[in-house]
Amino acid sequence: MTAEVTEFLTAGLRPHECRSCGTCVLVKKNSLTHTSIQWTTDASRSCPVFAAHVAAGRHPALLDTCEHLADSITDAVRDGSLAVADRSRDGSAAEVVRGG
């Protein structure tokens, strides 16, 4: 992987602790509708929602995300602890929007 690709994939990721279970992930909000989540642990062991999914015999890759984590990220945007970088058409950062 080139340095440019690595920078593109990892730039802006910030640690976020789920307010429901405490699992820590890396998050980047590119816009209000686009969220990148990078798990730093095995989700099926650290997240109760993923663990229940696996315990029921389903593969964790088939679960889009944990609704509690998604709500936690939304709350962090709303309270201003997680910034959203809206992108212009050319991909440059247009502005930083705080939740509100």
PDB file of N, CA and C in Angstrom:
ATOM      1  N   MET A   1       0.853  -1.172   0.000  1.00  0.00           N
ATOM      2  CA  MET A   1       0.000   0.000   0.000  1.00  0.00           C
ATOM      3  C   MET A   1       0.903   1.240   0.000  1.00  0.00           C
ATOM      4  N   THR A   2       0.578   2.196  -0.843  1.00  0.00           N
ATOM      5  CA  THR A   2       1.391   3.404  -0.919  1.00  0.00           C
ATOM      6  C   THR A   2       1.092   4.326   0.252  1.00  0.00           C
ATOM      7  N   ALA A   3       1.982   5.257   0.511  1.00  0.00           N
ATOM      8  CA  ALA A   3       1.786   6.233   1.582  1.00  0.00           C
ATOM      9  C   ALA A   3       0.534   7.060   1.325  1.00  0.00           C
ATOM     10  N   GLU A   4       0.260   7.365   0.065  1.00  0.00           N
ATOM     11  CA  GLU A   4      -0.923   8.158  -0.277  1.00  0.00           C
ATOM     12  C   GLU A   4      -2.213   7.405   0.056  1.00  0.00           C
ATOM     13  N   VAL A   5      -2.229   6.113  -0.250  1.00  0.00           N
ATOM     14  CA  VAL A   5      -3.407   5.298   0.043  1.00  0.00           C
ATOM     15  C   VAL A   5      -3.588   5.170   1.555  1.00  0.00           C
ATOM     16  N   THR A   6      -2.505   4.915   2.261  1.00  0.00           N
ATOM     17  CA  THR A   6      -2.568   4.818   3.719  1.00  0.00           C
ATOM     18  C   THR A   6      -3.098   6.117   4.326  1.00  0.00           C
ATOM     19  N   GLU A   7      -2.594   7.237   3.857  1.00  0.00           N
ATOM     20  CA  GLU A   7      -3.060   8.547   4.348  1.00  0.00           C
ATOM     21  C   GLU A   7      -4.538   8.730   4.060  1.00  0.00           C
ATOM     22  N   PHE A   8      -4.967   8.382   2.853  1.00  0.00           N
ATOM     23  CA  PHE A   8      -6.375   8.520   2.478  1.00  0.00           C
ATOM     24  C   PHE A   8      -7.272   7.680   3.379  1.00  0.00           C
ATOM     25  N   LEU A   9      -6.840   6.458   3.681  1.00  0.00           N
ATOM     26  CA  LEU A   9      -7.658   5.540   4.462  1.00  0.00           C
ATOM     27  C   LEU A   9      -7.661   5.828   5.953  1.00  0.00           C
ATOM     28  N   THR A  10      -6.588   6.441   6.468  1.00  0.00           N
ATOM     29  CA  THR A  10      -6.476   6.600   7.918  1.00  0.00           C
ATOM     30  C   THR A  10      -6.551   8.046   8.413  1.00  0.00           C
ATOM     31  N   ALA A  11      -6.373   9.008   7.534  1.00  0.00           N
ATOM     32  CA  ALA A  11      -6.382  10.410   7.964  1.00  0.00           C
ATOM     33  C   ALA A  11      -7.738  10.775   8.562  1.00  0.00           C
ATOM     34  N   GLY A  12      -7.692  11.443   9.669  1.00  0.00           N
ATOM     35  CA  GLY A  12      -8.925  11.921  10.285  1.00  0.00           C
ATOM     36  C   GLY A  12      -9.605  10.931  11.205  1.00  0.00           C
ATOM     37  N   LEU A  13      -9.114   9.706  11.292  1.00  0.00           N
ATOM     38  CA  LEU A  13      -9.718   8.739  12.208  1.00  0.00           C
ATOM     39  C   LEU A  13      -9.433   9.160  13.648  1.00  0.00           C
ATOM     40  N   ARG A  14     -10.451   9.157  14.470  1.00  0.00           N
ATOM     41  CA  ARG A  14     -10.336   9.544  15.872  1.00  0.00           C
ATOM     42  C   ARG A  14     -10.885   8.447  16.758  1.00  0.00           C
ATOM     43  N   PRO A  15     -10.252   8.209  17.915  1.00  0.00           N
ATOM     44  CA  PRO A  15     -10.791   7.202  18.834  1.00  0.00           C
ATOM     45  C   PRO A  15     -12.172   7.625  19.339  1.00  0.00           C
ATOM     46  N   HIS A  16     -13.064   6.659  19.417  1.00  0.00           N
ATOM     47  CA  HIS A  16     -14.396   6.910  19.970  1.00  0.00           C
ATOM     48  C   HIS A  16     -14.793   5.704  20.805  1.00  0.00           C
ATOM     49  N   GLU A  17     -15.194   5.966  22.036  1.00  0.00           N
ATOM     50  CA  GLU A  17     -15.638   4.913  22.939  1.00  0.00           C
ATOM     51  C   GLU A  17     -17.158   4.861  22.925  1.00  0.00           C
ATOM     52  N   CYS A  18     -17.696   3.687  22.595  1.00  0.00           N
ATOM     53  CA  CYS A  18     -19.146   3.512  22.568  1.00  0.00           C
ATOM     54  C   CYS A  18     -19.723   3.829  23.940  1.00  0.00           C
ATOM     55  N   ARG A  19     -20.722   4.659  23.962  1.00  0.00           N
ATOM     56  CA  ARG A  19     -21.333   5.070  25.229  1.00  0.00           C
ATOM     57  C   ARG A  19     -22.225   3.984  25.819  1.00  0.00           C
ATOM     58  N   SER A  20     -22.458   2.931  25.053  1.00  0.00           N
ATOM     59  CA  SER A  20     -23.266   1.823  25.549  1.00  0.00           C
ATOM     60  C   SER A  20     -22.412   0.748  26.212  1.00  0.00           C
ATOM     61  N   CYS A  21     -21.335   0.307  25.503  1.00  0.00           N
ATOM     62  CA  CYS A  21     -20.554  -0.823  26.028  1.00  0.00           C
ATOM     63  C   CYS A  21     -19.093  -0.500  26.305  1.00  0.00           C
ATOM     64  N   GLY A  22     -18.609   0.661  25.838  1.00  0.00           N
ATOM     65  CA  GLY A  22     -17.236   1.056  26.094  1.00  0.00           C
ATOM     66  C   GLY A  22     -16.220   0.585  25.066  1.00  0.00           C
ATOM     67  N   THR A  23     -16.668  -0.149  24.040  1.00  0.00           N
ATOM     68  CA  THR A  23     -15.749  -0.577  22.988  1.00  0.00           C
ATOM     69  C   THR A  23     -15.179   0.650  22.290  1.00  0.00           C
ATOM     70  N   CYS A  24     -13.862   0.643  22.074  1.00  0.00           N
ATOM     71  CA  CYS A  24     -13.215   1.769  21.406  1.00  0.00           C
ATOM     72  C   CYS A  24     -12.964   1.426  19.945  1.00  0.00           C
ATOM     73  N   VAL A  25     -13.390   2.314  19.058  1.00  0.00           N
ATOM     74  CA  VAL A  25     -13.169   2.184  17.618  1.00  0.00           C
ATOM     75  C   VAL A  25     -12.543   3.475  17.120  1.00  0.00           C
ATOM     76  N   LEU A  26     -12.067   3.463  15.890  1.00  0.00           N
ATOM     77  CA  LEU A  26     -11.596   4.683  15.244  1.00  0.00           C
ATOM     78  C   LEU A  26     -12.684   5.140  14.287  1.00  0.00           C
ATOM     79  N   VAL A  27     -13.013   6.438  14.334  1.00  0.00           N
ATOM     80  CA  VAL A  27     -14.133   6.964  13.564  1.00  0.00           C
ATOM     81  C   VAL A  27     -13.716   8.201  12.799  1.00  0.00           C
ATOM     82  N   LYS A  28     -14.263   8.320  11.598  1.00  0.00           N
ATOM     83  CA  LYS A  28     -14.112   9.537  10.800  1.00  0.00           C
ATOM     84  C   LYS A  28     -15.468   9.865  10.202  1.00  0.00           C
ATOM     85  N   LYS A  29     -15.939  11.066  10.443  1.00  0.00           N
ATOM     86  CA  LYS A  29     -17.188  11.530   9.853  1.00  0.00           C
ATOM     87  C   LYS A  29     -16.831  12.395   8.654  1.00  0.00           C
ATOM     88  N   ASN A  30     -17.001  11.845   7.459  1.00  0.00           N
ATOM     89  CA  ASN A  30     -16.722  12.602   6.243  1.00  0.00           C
ATOM     90  C   ASN A  30     -17.844  13.577   5.919  1.00  0.00           C
ATOM     91  N   SER A  31     -19.054  13.239   6.320  1.00  0.00           N
ATOM     92  CA  SER A  31     -20.224  14.095   6.154  1.00  0.00           C
ATOM     93  C   SER A  31     -21.236  13.625   7.186  1.00  0.00           C
ATOM     94  N   LEU A  32     -22.370  14.286   7.245  1.00  0.00           N
ATOM     95  CA  LEU A  32     -23.389  13.856   8.200  1.00  0.00           C
ATOM     96  C   LEU A  32     -23.923  12.460   7.876  1.00  0.00           C
ATOM     97  N   THR A  33     -23.828  12.054   6.609  1.00  0.00           N
ATOM     98  CA  THR A  33     -24.359  10.746   6.225  1.00  0.00           C
ATOM     99  C   THR A  33     -23.284   9.680   6.009  1.00  0.00           C
ATOM    100  N   HIS A  34     -22.013  10.057   5.989  1.00  0.00           N
ATOM    101  CA  HIS A  34     -20.945   9.086   5.745  1.00  0.00           C
ATOM    102  C   HIS A  34     -20.033   8.973   6.952  1.00  0.00           C
ATOM    103  N   THR A  35     -19.988   7.772   7.520  1.00  0.00           N
ATOM    104  CA  THR A  35     -19.153   7.489   8.681  1.00  0.00           C
ATOM    105  C   THR A  35     -18.221   6.330   8.366  1.00  0.00           C
ATOM    106  N   SER A  36     -16.942   6.511   8.623  1.00  0.00           N
ATOM    107  CA  SER A  36     -15.974   5.422   8.501  1.00  0.00           C
ATOM    108  C   SER A  36     -15.645   4.931   9.908  1.00  0.00           C
ATOM    109  N   ILE A  37     -15.753   3.624  10.102  1.00  0.00           N
ATOM    110  CA  ILE A  37     -15.456   3.015  11.397  1.00  0.00           C
ATOM    111  C   ILE A  37     -14.385   1.960  11.200  1.00  0.00           C
ATOM    112  N   GLN A  38     -13.334   2.055  11.984  1.00  0.00           N
ATOM    113  CA  GLN A  38     -12.250   1.063  11.958  1.00  0.00           C
ATOM    114  C   GLN A  38     -12.226   0.396  13.335  1.00  0.00           C
ATOM    115  N   TRP A  39     -12.534  -0.881  13.361  1.00  0.00           N
ATOM    116  CA  TRP A  39     -12.501  -1.620  14.618  1.00  0.00           C
ATOM    117  C   TRP A  39     -11.052  -1.888  14.987  1.00  0.00           C
ATOM    118  N   THR A  40     -10.708  -1.676  16.255  1.00  0.00           N
ATOM    119  CA  THR A  40      -9.351  -1.925  16.737  1.00  0.00           C
ATOM    120  C   THR A  40      -9.278  -3.225  17.546  1.00  0.00           C
ATOM    121  N   THR A  41     -10.432  -3.845  17.728  1.00  0.00           N
ATOM    122  CA  THR A  41     -10.534  -5.114  18.447  1.00  0.00           C
ATOM    123  C   THR A  41     -11.421  -6.043  17.624  1.00  0.00           C
ATOM    124  N   ASP A  42     -11.531  -7.285  18.049  1.00  0.00           N
ATOM    125  CA  ASP A  42     -12.455  -8.221  17.423  1.00  0.00           C
ATOM    126  C   ASP A  42     -13.863  -7.835  17.859  1.00  0.00           C
ATOM    127  N   ALA A  43     -14.649  -7.328  16.938  1.00  0.00           N
ATOM    128  CA  ALA A  43     -15.991  -6.837  17.260  1.00  0.00           C
ATOM    129  C   ALA A  43     -16.863  -7.906  17.905  1.00  0.00           C
ATOM    130  N   SER A  44     -16.690  -9.155  17.494  1.00  0.00           N
ATOM    131  CA  SER A  44     -17.523 -10.225  18.046  1.00  0.00           C
ATOM    132  C   SER A  44     -17.175 -10.557  19.494  1.00  0.00           C
ATOM    133  N   ARG A  45     -16.052 -10.020  19.973  1.00  0.00           N
ATOM    134  CA  ARG A  45     -15.669 -10.241  21.375  1.00  0.00           C
ATOM    135  C   ARG A  45     -15.837  -8.980  22.229  1.00  0.00           C
ATOM    136  N   SER A  46     -15.706  -7.816  21.607  1.00  0.00           N
ATOM    137  CA  SER A  46     -15.746  -6.581  22.387  1.00  0.00           C
ATOM    138  C   SER A  46     -17.103  -5.890  22.381  1.00  0.00           C
ATOM    139  N   CYS A  47     -17.944  -6.183  21.401  1.00  0.00           N
ATOM    140  CA  CYS A  47     -19.248  -5.528  21.276  1.00  0.00           C
ATOM    141  C   CYS A  47     -20.353  -6.535  21.575  1.00  0.00           C
ATOM    142  N   PRO A  48     -21.201  -6.270  22.562  1.00  0.00           N
ATOM    143  CA  PRO A  48     -22.270  -7.210  22.900  1.00  0.00           C
ATOM    144  C   PRO A  48     -23.237  -7.485  21.744  1.00  0.00           C
ATOM    145  N   VAL A  49     -23.479  -6.500  20.887  1.00  0.00           N
ATOM    146  CA  VAL A  49     -24.393  -6.695  19.757  1.00  0.00           C
ATOM    147  C   VAL A  49     -23.784  -7.665  18.745  1.00  0.00           C
ATOM    148  N   PHE A  50     -22.515  -7.468  18.414  1.00  0.00           N
ATOM    149  CA  PHE A  50     -21.837  -8.389  17.509  1.00  0.00           C
ATOM    150  C   PHE A  50     -21.716  -9.766  18.149  1.00  0.00           C
ATOM    151  N   ALA A  51     -21.424  -9.819  19.457  1.00  0.00           N
ATOM    152  CA  ALA A  51     -21.295 -11.108  20.153  1.00  0.00           C
ATOM    153  C   ALA A  51     -22.613 -11.886  20.098  1.00  0.00           C
ATOM    154  N   ALA A  52     -23.730 -11.204  20.286  1.00  0.00           N
ATOM    155  CA  ALA A  52     -25.037 -11.872  20.222  1.00  0.00           C
ATOM    156  C   ALA A  52     -25.317 -12.372  18.807  1.00  0.00           C
ATOM    157  N   HIS A  53     -24.908 -11.600  17.824  1.00  0.00           N
ATOM    158  CA  HIS A  53     -25.078 -11.985  16.423  1.00  0.00           C
ATOM    159  C   HIS A  53     -24.313 -13.282  16.147  1.00  0.00           C
ATOM    160  N   VAL A  54     -23.085 -13.358  16.624  1.00  0.00           N
ATOM    161  CA  VAL A  54     -22.250 -14.546  16.431  1.00  0.00           C
ATOM    162  C   VAL A  54     -22.810 -15.727  17.237  1.00  0.00           C
ATOM    163  N   ALA A  55     -23.255 -15.469  18.469  1.00  0.00           N
ATOM    164  CA  ALA A  55     -23.808 -16.531  19.311  1.00  0.00           C
ATOM    165  C   ALA A  55     -25.056 -17.156  18.674  1.00  0.00           C
ATOM    166  N   ALA A  56     -25.759 -16.371  17.861  1.00  0.00           N
ATOM    167  CA  ALA A  56     -26.948 -16.875  17.175  1.00  0.00           C
ATOM    168  C   ALA A  56     -26.588 -17.622  15.889  1.00  0.00           C
ATOM    169  N   GLY A  57     -25.267 -17.772  15.633  1.00  0.00           N
ATOM    170  CA  GLY A  57     -24.823 -18.539  14.484  1.00  0.00           C
ATOM    171  C   GLY A  57     -24.666 -17.739  13.205  1.00  0.00           C
ATOM    172  N   ARG A  58     -24.734 -16.415  13.302  1.00  0.00           N
ATOM    173  CA  ARG A  58     -24.583 -15.586  12.107  1.00  0.00           C
ATOM    174  C   ARG A  58     -23.157 -15.044  12.030  1.00  0.00           C
ATOM    175  N   HIS A  59     -22.684 -14.812  10.830  1.00  0.00           N
ATOM    176  CA  HIS A  59     -21.336 -14.303  10.618  1.00  0.00           C
ATOM    177  C   HIS A  59     -21.307 -12.807  10.921  1.00  0.00           C
ATOM    178  N   PRO A  60     -20.294 -12.316  11.674  1.00  0.00           N
ATOM    179  CA  PRO A  60     -20.256 -10.887  12.034  1.00  0.00           C
ATOM    180  C   PRO A  60     -20.131  -9.958  10.826  1.00  0.00           C
ATOM    181  N   ALA A  61     -19.585 -10.444   9.723  1.00  0.00           N
ATOM    182  CA  ALA A  61     -19.449  -9.593   8.536  1.00  0.00           C
ATOM    183  C   ALA A  61     -20.811  -9.243   7.928  1.00  0.00           C
ATOM    184  N   LEU A  62     -21.841 -10.010   8.283  1.00  0.00           N
ATOM    185  CA  LEU A  62     -23.174  -9.753   7.738  1.00  0.00           C
ATOM    186  C   LEU A  62     -23.949  -8.714   8.544  1.00  0.00           C
ATOM    187  N   LEU A  63     -23.385  -8.262   9.649  1.00  0.00           N
ATOM    188  CA  LEU A  63     -24.006  -7.208  10.453  1.00  0.00           C
ATOM    189  C   LEU A  63     -23.368  -5.891  10.051  1.00  0.00           C
ATOM    190  N   ASP A  64     -24.175  -4.977   9.532  1.00  0.00           N
ATOM    191  CA  ASP A  64     -23.654  -3.710   9.015  1.00  0.00           C
ATOM    192  C   ASP A  64     -22.904  -2.944  10.094  1.00  0.00           C
ATOM    193  N   THR A  65     -23.535  -2.708  11.210  1.00  0.00           N
ATOM    194  CA  THR A  65     -22.895  -2.025  12.338  1.00  0.00           C
ATOM    195  C   THR A  65     -23.735  -2.254  13.582  1.00  0.00           C
ATOM    196  N   CYS A  66     -23.230  -1.831  14.690  1.00  0.00           N
ATOM    197  CA  CYS A  66     -23.967  -1.896  15.953  1.00  0.00           C
ATOM    198  C   CYS A  66     -24.799  -0.624  16.079  1.00  0.00           C
ATOM    199  N   GLU A  67     -26.084  -0.787  16.278  1.00  0.00           N
ATOM    200  CA  GLU A  67     -26.954   0.393  16.395  1.00  0.00           C
ATOM    201  C   GLU A  67     -26.605   1.247  17.611  1.00  0.00           C
ATOM    202  N   HIS A  68     -26.094   0.627  18.666  1.00  0.00           N
ATOM    203  CA  HIS A  68     -25.689   1.397  19.853  1.00  0.00           C
ATOM    204  C   HIS A  68     -24.455   2.244  19.549  1.00  0.00           C
ATOM    205  N   LEU A  69     -23.511   1.680  18.805  1.00  0.00           N
ATOM    206  CA  LEU A  69     -22.330   2.432  18.400  1.00  0.00           C
ATOM    207  C   LEU A  69     -22.722   3.574  17.467  1.00  0.00           C
ATOM    208  N   ALA A  70     -23.600   3.302  16.516  1.00  0.00           N
ATOM    209  CA  ALA A  70     -24.064   4.352  15.600  1.00  0.00           C
ATOM    210  C   ALA A  70     -24.727   5.487  16.373  1.00  0.00           C
ATOM    211  N   ASP A  71     -25.561   5.142  17.360  1.00  0.00           N
ATOM    212  CA  ASP A  71     -26.201   6.171  18.191  1.00  0.00           C
ATOM    213  C   ASP A  71     -25.164   6.950  18.994  1.00  0.00           C
ATOM    214  N   SER A  72     -24.153   6.260  19.493  1.00  0.00           N
ATOM    215  CA  SER A  72     -23.094   6.905  20.264  1.00  0.00           C
ATOM    216  C   SER A  72     -22.323   7.910  19.409  1.00  0.00           C
ATOM    217  N   ILE A  73     -22.038   7.521  18.161  1.00  0.00           N
ATOM    218  CA  ILE A  73     -21.339   8.421  17.245  1.00  0.00           C
ATOM    219  C   ILE A  73     -22.214   9.630  16.922  1.00  0.00           C
ATOM    220  N   THR A  74     -23.497   9.399  16.678  1.00  0.00           N
ATOM    221  CA  THR A  74     -24.433  10.496  16.412  1.00  0.00           C
ATOM    222  C   THR A  74     -24.473  11.458  17.596  1.00  0.00           C
ATOM    223  N   ASP A  75     -24.515  10.913  18.813  1.00  0.00           N
ATOM    224  CA  ASP A  75     -24.509  11.755  20.017  1.00  0.00           C
ATOM    225  C   ASP A  75     -23.220  12.568  20.110  1.00  0.00           C
ATOM    226  N   ALA A  76     -22.087  11.957  19.760  1.00  0.00           N
ATOM    227  CA  ALA A  76     -20.801  12.669  19.811  1.00  0.00           C
ATOM    228  C   ALA A  76     -20.759  13.812  18.801  1.00  0.00           C
ATOM    229  N   VAL A  77     -21.344  13.606  17.636  1.00  0.00           N
ATOM    230  CA  VAL A  77     -21.437  14.684  16.648  1.00  0.00           C
ATOM    231  C   VAL A  77     -22.332  15.792  17.192  1.00  0.00           C
ATOM    232  N   ARG A  78     -23.459  15.399  17.749  1.00  0.00           N
ATOM    233  CA  ARG A  78     -24.423  16.370  18.276  1.00  0.00           C
ATOM    234  C   ARG A  78     -23.825  17.216  19.402  1.00  0.00           C
ATOM    235  N   ASP A  79     -23.040  16.582  20.295  1.00  0.00           N
ATOM    236  CA  ASP A  79     -22.485  17.352  21.422  1.00  0.00           C
ATOM    237  C   ASP A  79     -21.157  18.034  21.083  1.00  0.00           C
ATOM    238  N   GLY A  80     -20.680  17.837  19.846  1.00  0.00           N
ATOM    239  CA  GLY A  80     -19.482  18.543  19.395  1.00  0.00           C
ATOM    240  C   GLY A  80     -18.172  17.857  19.710  1.00  0.00           C
ATOM    241  N   SER A  81     -18.212  16.659  20.296  1.00  0.00           N
ATOM    242  CA  SER A  81     -16.955  15.982  20.616  1.00  0.00           C
ATOM    243  C   SER A  81     -16.378  15.227  19.414  1.00  0.00           C
ATOM    244  N   LEU A  82     -17.152  15.100  18.337  1.00  0.00           N
ATOM    245  CA  LEU A  82     -16.680  14.493  17.098  1.00  0.00           C
ATOM    246  C   LEU A  82     -17.061  15.419  15.949  1.00  0.00           C
ATOM    247  N   ALA A  83     -16.063  15.915  15.247  1.00  0.00           N
ATOM    248  CA  ALA A  83     -16.304  16.856  14.149  1.00  0.00           C
ATOM    249  C   ALA A  83     -16.665  16.119  12.868  1.00  0.00           C
ATOM    250  N   VAL A  84     -17.404  16.809  12.009  1.00  0.00           N
ATOM    251  CA  VAL A  84     -17.771  16.299  10.695  1.00  0.00           C
ATOM    252  C   VAL A  84     -17.090  17.177   9.658  1.00  0.00           C
ATOM    253  N   ALA A  85     -16.313  16.541   8.783  1.00  0.00           N
ATOM    254  CA  ALA A  85     -15.652  17.285   7.711  1.00  0.00           C
ATOM    255  C   ALA A  85     -16.466  17.115   6.444  1.00  0.00           C
ATOM    256  N   ASP A  86     -17.229  18.124   6.081  1.00  0.00           N
ATOM    257  CA  ASP A  86     -17.975  18.076   4.818  1.00  0.00           C
ATOM    258  C   ASP A  86     -16.997  18.287   3.691  1.00  0.00           C
ATOM    259  N   ARG A  87     -17.168  17.566   2.620  1.00  0.00           N
ATOM    260  CA  ARG A  87     -16.251  17.629   1.482  1.00  0.00           C
ATOM    261  C   ARG A  87     -16.907  18.370   0.324  1.00  0.00           C
ATOM    262  N   SER A  88     -16.131  19.181  -0.339  1.00  0.00           N
ATOM    263  CA  SER A  88     -16.616  19.816  -1.559  1.00  0.00           C
ATOM    264  C   SER A  88     -16.527  18.809  -2.692  1.00  0.00           C
ATOM    265  N   ARG A  89     -16.994  19.150  -3.868  1.00  0.00           N
ATOM    266  CA  ARG A  89     -16.995  18.230  -5.015  1.00  0.00           C
ATOM    267  C   ARG A  89     -15.598  17.747  -5.389  1.00  0.00           C
ATOM    268  N   ASP A  90     -14.565  18.570  -5.141  1.00  0.00           N
ATOM    269  CA  ASP A  90     -13.212  18.150  -5.521  1.00  0.00           C
ATOM    270  C   ASP A  90     -12.522  17.344  -4.432  1.00  0.00           C
ATOM    271  N   GLY A  91     -13.218  17.090  -3.302  1.00  0.00           N
ATOM    272  CA  GLY A  91     -12.663  16.254  -2.251  1.00  0.00           C
ATOM    273  C   GLY A  91     -11.939  17.003  -1.157  1.00  0.00           C
ATOM    274  N   SER A  92     -11.770  18.322  -1.312  1.00  0.00           N
ATOM    275  CA  SER A  92     -11.085  19.074  -0.267  1.00  0.00           C
ATOM    276  C   SER A  92     -12.054  19.375   0.873  1.00  0.00           C
ATOM    277  N   ALA A  93     -11.509  19.549   2.048  1.00  0.00           N
ATOM    278  CA  ALA A  93     -12.354  19.848   3.198  1.00  0.00           C
ATOM    279  C   ALA A  93     -12.972  21.220   3.019  1.00  0.00           C
ATOM    280  N   ALA A  94     -14.282  21.279   2.998  1.00  0.00           N
ATOM    281  CA  ALA A  94     -14.973  22.546   2.786  1.00  0.00           C
ATOM    282  C   ALA A  94     -15.187  23.269   4.108  1.00  0.00           C
ATOM    283  N   GLU A  95     -15.564  22.526   5.132  1.00  0.00           N
ATOM    284  CA  GLU A  95     -15.812  23.139   6.423  1.00  0.00           C
ATOM    285  C   GLU A  95     -15.924  22.057   7.479  1.00  0.00           C
ATOM    286  N   VAL A  96     -15.835  22.461   8.700  1.00  0.00           N
ATOM    287  CA  VAL A  96     -16.065  21.552   9.799  1.00  0.00           C
ATOM    288  C   VAL A  96     -17.391  21.925  10.415  1.00  0.00           C
ATOM    289  N   VAL A  97     -18.286  20.952  10.528  1.00  0.00           N
ATOM    290  CA  VAL A  97     -19.615  21.193  11.036  1.00  0.00           C
ATOM    291  C   VAL A  97     -19.729  20.517  12.395  1.00  0.00           C
ATOM    292  N   ARG A  98     -20.167  21.241  13.377  1.00  0.00           N
ATOM    293  CA  ARG A  98     -20.410  20.671  14.704  1.00  0.00           C
ATOM    294  C   ARG A  98     -21.869  20.256  14.783  1.00  0.00           C
ATOM    295  N   GLY A  99     -22.112  19.145  15.483  1.00  0.00           N
ATOM    296  CA  GLY A  99     -23.485  18.691  15.658  1.00  0.00           C
ATOM    297  C   GLY A  99     -24.282  19.725  16.420  1.00  0.00           C
ATOM    298  N   GLY A 100     -25.578  19.772  16.172  1.00  0.00           N
ATOM    299  CA  GLY A 100     -26.330  20.804  16.857  1.00  0.00           C
ATOM    300  C   GLY A 100     -27.739  20.720  16.720  1.00  0.00           C
TER     301      GLY A 100
END
